[in-house]
Amino acid sequence: LFNATVRVKEWQGNVVFLHEVLPGSADRSYGIQVARLAGLPPSVITRAKSVLAKLEAQDPGQSARALVDDLPLFAVPSRAAAEPAPPSEAEQLIDALKALHPDEMSPRDALEALYALKAKLPKG
């Protein structure tokens, strides 16, 4: 029995799992990113980020138990937190790809669509 982790690359605030298993443990938790990939509601993700920020801001010598008790997971979020975040660039590209119907496109239309998608990619 041994620890193993999946190699991860962070890109523009998103996590990409590289499908490479390595010995050892991860240097940090990717639970919030995995929750977003799993499709949890934005309000849950926002709440988890808030709880994580408060946990990370506390004194390392302080017991996390007291802080966790002060951060009920099922607290009603404020109206501002309940509003969905605008889609990320990656989500916008995925939506644009989903809207394409390659079997109904001419080769020229497909090429133009590919160039339009490529133009939406971040520079660099």
C-alpha atoms as a PDB file:
ATOM      1  CA  LEU A   1       0.000   0.000   0.000  1.00  0.00           C
ATOM      2  CA  PHE A   2       1.420   3.434  -0.957  1.00  0.00           C
ATOM      3  CA  ASN A   3       0.375   7.005  -1.688  1.00  0.00           C
ATOM      4  CA  ALA A   4      -0.131   8.053  -5.287  1.00  0.00           C
ATOM      5  CA  THR A   5      -1.208  11.290  -6.932  1.00  0.00           C
ATOM      6  CA  VAL A   6      -2.224  12.428 -10.391  1.00  0.00           C
ATOM      7  CA  ARG A   7      -0.034  15.044 -12.046  1.00  0.00           C
ATOM      8  CA  VAL A   8      -1.847  18.361 -12.299  1.00  0.00           C
ATOM      9  CA  LYS A   9      -1.347  21.512 -14.351  1.00  0.00           C
ATOM     10  CA  GLU A  10      -3.019  24.769 -13.349  1.00  0.00           C
ATOM     11  CA  TRP A  11      -4.061  26.961 -16.270  1.00  0.00           C
ATOM     12  CA  GLN A  12      -5.939  30.259 -15.980  1.00  0.00           C
ATOM     13  CA  GLY A  13      -7.494  29.367 -12.649  1.00  0.00           C
ATOM     14  CA  ASN A  14      -8.531  25.915 -13.846  1.00  0.00           C
ATOM     15  CA  VAL A  15      -7.013  22.544 -13.079  1.00  0.00           C
ATOM     16  CA  VAL A  16      -6.103  20.056 -15.786  1.00  0.00           C
ATOM     17  CA  PHE A  17      -5.475  16.485 -14.657  1.00  0.00           C
ATOM     18  CA  LEU A  18      -2.712  15.092 -16.871  1.00  0.00           C
ATOM     19  CA  HIS A  19      -3.606  11.385 -16.538  1.00  0.00           C
ATOM     20  CA  GLU A  20      -0.169  10.559 -15.140  1.00  0.00           C
ATOM     21  CA  VAL A  21      -0.061   8.759 -11.789  1.00  0.00           C
ATOM     22  CA  LEU A  22       2.994   9.526  -9.655  1.00  0.00           C
ATOM     23  CA  PRO A  23       4.164   8.162  -6.303  1.00  0.00           C
ATOM     24  CA  GLY A  24       3.636  10.421  -3.284  1.00  0.00           C
ATOM     25  CA  SER A  25       0.925  12.827  -2.257  1.00  0.00           C
ATOM     26  CA  ALA A  26      -0.393  16.034  -3.787  1.00  0.00           C
ATOM     27  CA  ASP A  27       1.134  19.292  -2.579  1.00  0.00           C
ATOM     28  CA  ARG A  28      -2.357  20.718  -1.977  1.00  0.00           C
ATOM     29  CA  SER A  29      -6.031  19.816  -2.147  1.00  0.00           C
ATOM     30  CA  TYR A  30      -7.928  20.118  -5.415  1.00  0.00           C
ATOM     31  CA  GLY A  31     -11.347  19.414  -3.910  1.00  0.00           C
ATOM     32  CA  ILE A  32     -12.926  22.700  -4.976  1.00  0.00           C
ATOM     33  CA  GLN A  33     -11.683  22.327  -8.550  1.00  0.00           C
ATOM     34  CA  VAL A  34     -12.947  18.738  -8.685  1.00  0.00           C
ATOM     35  CA  ALA A  35     -16.319  19.885  -7.324  1.00  0.00           C
ATOM     36  CA  ARG A  36     -16.545  22.473 -10.131  1.00  0.00           C
ATOM     37  CA  LEU A  37     -15.605  19.814 -12.719  1.00  0.00           C
ATOM     38  CA  ALA A  38     -18.291  17.547 -11.235  1.00  0.00           C
ATOM     39  CA  GLY A  39     -20.892  20.246 -11.872  1.00  0.00           C
ATOM     40  CA  LEU A  40     -21.737  21.319  -8.324  1.00  0.00           C
ATOM     41  CA  PRO A  41     -23.761  24.553  -8.229  1.00  0.00           C
ATOM     42  CA  PRO A  42     -21.764  27.808  -8.267  1.00  0.00           C
ATOM     43  CA  SER A  43     -23.185  28.754  -4.844  1.00  0.00           C
ATOM     44  CA  VAL A  44     -21.609  25.616  -3.330  1.00  0.00           C
ATOM     45  CA  ILE A  45     -18.259  26.373  -4.979  1.00  0.00           C
ATOM     46  CA  THR A  46     -18.372  29.988  -3.746  1.00  0.00           C
ATOM     47  CA  ARG A  47     -19.174  28.840  -0.205  1.00  0.00           C
ATOM     48  CA  ALA A  48     -16.346  26.286  -0.267  1.00  0.00           C
ATOM     49  CA  LYS A  49     -13.890  28.976  -1.416  1.00  0.00           C
ATOM     50  CA  SER A  50     -15.044  31.215   1.441  1.00  0.00           C
ATOM     51  CA  VAL A  51     -14.561  28.456   4.027  1.00  0.00           C
ATOM     52  CA  LEU A  52     -11.142  27.574   2.584  1.00  0.00           C
ATOM     53  CA  ALA A  53      -9.988  31.214   2.657  1.00  0.00           C
ATOM     54  CA  LYS A  54     -10.946  31.503   6.336  1.00  0.00           C
ATOM     55  CA  LEU A  55      -9.204  28.236   7.176  1.00  0.00           C
ATOM     56  CA  GLU A  56      -6.037  29.278   5.343  1.00  0.00           C
ATOM     57  CA  ALA A  57      -6.030  32.709   7.032  1.00  0.00           C
ATOM     58  CA  GLN A  58      -6.071  31.319  10.559  1.00  0.00           C
ATOM     59  CA  ASP A  59      -2.981  30.927  12.739  1.00  0.00           C
ATOM     60  CA  PRO A  60      -1.379  27.513  11.997  1.00  0.00           C
ATOM     61  CA  GLY A  61      -1.174  26.765  15.730  1.00  0.00           C
ATOM     62  CA  GLN A  62      -4.897  27.390  16.205  1.00  0.00           C
ATOM     63  CA  SER A  63      -7.276  24.460  16.241  1.00  0.00           C
ATOM     64  CA  ALA A  64      -9.207  24.163  12.989  1.00  0.00           C
ATOM     65  CA  ARG A  65     -12.069  22.476  14.855  1.00  0.00           C
ATOM     66  CA  ALA A  66     -13.251  25.721  16.514  1.00  0.00           C
ATOM     67  CA  LEU A  67     -13.104  27.582  13.212  1.00  0.00           C
ATOM     68  CA  VAL A  68     -14.983  24.854  11.344  1.00  0.00           C
ATOM     69  CA  ASP A  69     -17.733  24.952  13.984  1.00  0.00           C
ATOM     70  CA  ASP A  70     -18.046  28.702  13.315  1.00  0.00           C
ATOM     71  CA  LEU A  71     -18.406  28.071   9.559  1.00  0.00           C
ATOM     72  CA  PRO A  72     -21.594  26.042   9.116  1.00  0.00           C
ATOM     73  CA  LEU A  73     -21.548  24.403   5.718  1.00  0.00           C
ATOM     74  CA  PHE A  74     -25.255  24.886   5.207  1.00  0.00           C
ATOM     75  CA  ALA A  75     -25.404  28.593   6.041  1.00  0.00           C
ATOM     76  CA  VAL A  76     -27.680  30.567   3.750  1.00  0.00           C
ATOM     77  CA  PRO A  77     -25.443  32.512   1.357  1.00  0.00           C
ATOM     78  CA  SER A  78     -25.965  36.201   0.759  1.00  0.00           C
ATOM     79  CA  ARG A  79     -27.767  37.280  -2.421  1.00  0.00           C
ATOM     80  CA  ALA A  80     -24.506  38.403  -4.033  1.00  0.00           C
ATOM     81  CA  ALA A  81     -22.902  34.996  -3.480  1.00  0.00           C
ATOM     82  CA  ALA A  82     -25.933  33.198  -4.916  1.00  0.00           C
ATOM     83  CA  GLU A  83     -25.599  34.926  -8.295  1.00  0.00           C
ATOM     84  CA  PRO A  84     -23.839  32.687 -10.797  1.00  0.00           C
ATOM     85  CA  ALA A  85     -20.352  33.689 -11.844  1.00  0.00           C
ATOM     86  CA  PRO A  86     -19.872  34.540 -15.504  1.00  0.00           C
ATOM     87  CA  PRO A  87     -18.589  31.576 -17.519  1.00  0.00           C
ATOM     88  CA  SER A  88     -14.819  31.241 -17.776  1.00  0.00           C
ATOM     89  CA  GLU A  89     -13.034  31.453 -21.121  1.00  0.00           C
ATOM     90  CA  ALA A  90     -12.703  27.671 -21.136  1.00  0.00           C
ATOM     91  CA  GLU A  91     -16.441  27.237 -20.500  1.00  0.00           C
ATOM     92  CA  GLN A  92     -17.231  29.691 -23.293  1.00  0.00           C
ATOM     93  CA  LEU A  93     -15.035  27.710 -25.706  1.00  0.00           C
ATOM     94  CA  ILE A  94     -16.680  24.453 -24.669  1.00  0.00           C
ATOM     95  CA  ASP A  95     -20.133  25.975 -25.211  1.00  0.00           C
ATOM     96  CA  ALA A  96     -19.061  27.212 -28.659  1.00  0.00           C
ATOM     97  CA  LEU A  97     -17.800  23.714 -29.543  1.00  0.00           C
ATOM     98  CA  LYS A  98     -21.029  22.114 -28.342  1.00  0.00           C
ATOM     99  CA  ALA A  99     -23.017  24.477 -30.572  1.00  0.00           C
ATOM    100  CA  LEU A 100     -21.208  23.259 -33.693  1.00  0.00           C
ATOM    101  CA  HIS A 101     -22.707  20.512 -35.843  1.00  0.00           C
ATOM    102  CA  PRO A 102     -19.807  19.281 -38.017  1.00  0.00           C
ATOM    103  CA  ASP A 103     -21.939  16.846 -40.023  1.00  0.00           C
ATOM    104  CA  GLU A 104     -24.072  19.763 -41.190  1.00  0.00           C
ATOM    105  CA  MET A 105     -21.142  22.038 -42.105  1.00  0.00           C
ATOM    106  CA  SER A 106     -19.317  22.447 -45.363  1.00  0.00           C
ATOM    107  CA  PRO A 107     -15.530  22.048 -45.192  1.00  0.00           C
ATOM    108  CA  ARG A 108     -15.218  25.824 -45.597  1.00  0.00           C
ATOM    109  CA  ASP A 109     -17.675  26.509 -42.743  1.00  0.00           C
ATOM    110  CA  ALA A 110     -15.827  24.020 -40.527  1.00  0.00           C
ATOM    111  CA  LEU A 111     -12.495  25.713 -41.253  1.00  0.00           C
ATOM    112  CA  GLU A 112     -13.958  29.156 -40.494  1.00  0.00           C
ATOM    113  CA  ALA A 113     -15.430  27.846 -37.237  1.00  0.00           C
ATOM    114  CA  LEU A 114     -12.041  26.398 -36.283  1.00  0.00           C
ATOM    115  CA  TYR A 115     -10.322  29.734 -36.935  1.00  0.00           C
ATOM    116  CA  ALA A 116     -13.002  31.564 -34.925  1.00  0.00           C
ATOM    117  CA  LEU A 117     -12.484  29.207 -31.970  1.00  0.00           C
ATOM    118  CA  LYS A 118      -8.707  29.559 -32.211  1.00  0.00           C
ATOM    119  CA  ALA A 119      -9.076  33.360 -32.163  1.00  0.00           C
ATOM    120  CA  LYS A 120     -10.952  33.079 -28.849  1.00  0.00           C
ATOM    121  CA  LEU A 121      -8.032  31.282 -27.179  1.00  0.00           C
ATOM    122  CA  PRO A 122      -5.966  33.377 -24.791  1.00  0.00           C
ATOM    123  CA  LYS A 123      -2.749  34.686 -26.286  1.00  0.00           C
ATOM    124  CA  GLY A 124       0.497  33.201 -25.027  1.00  0.00           C
END
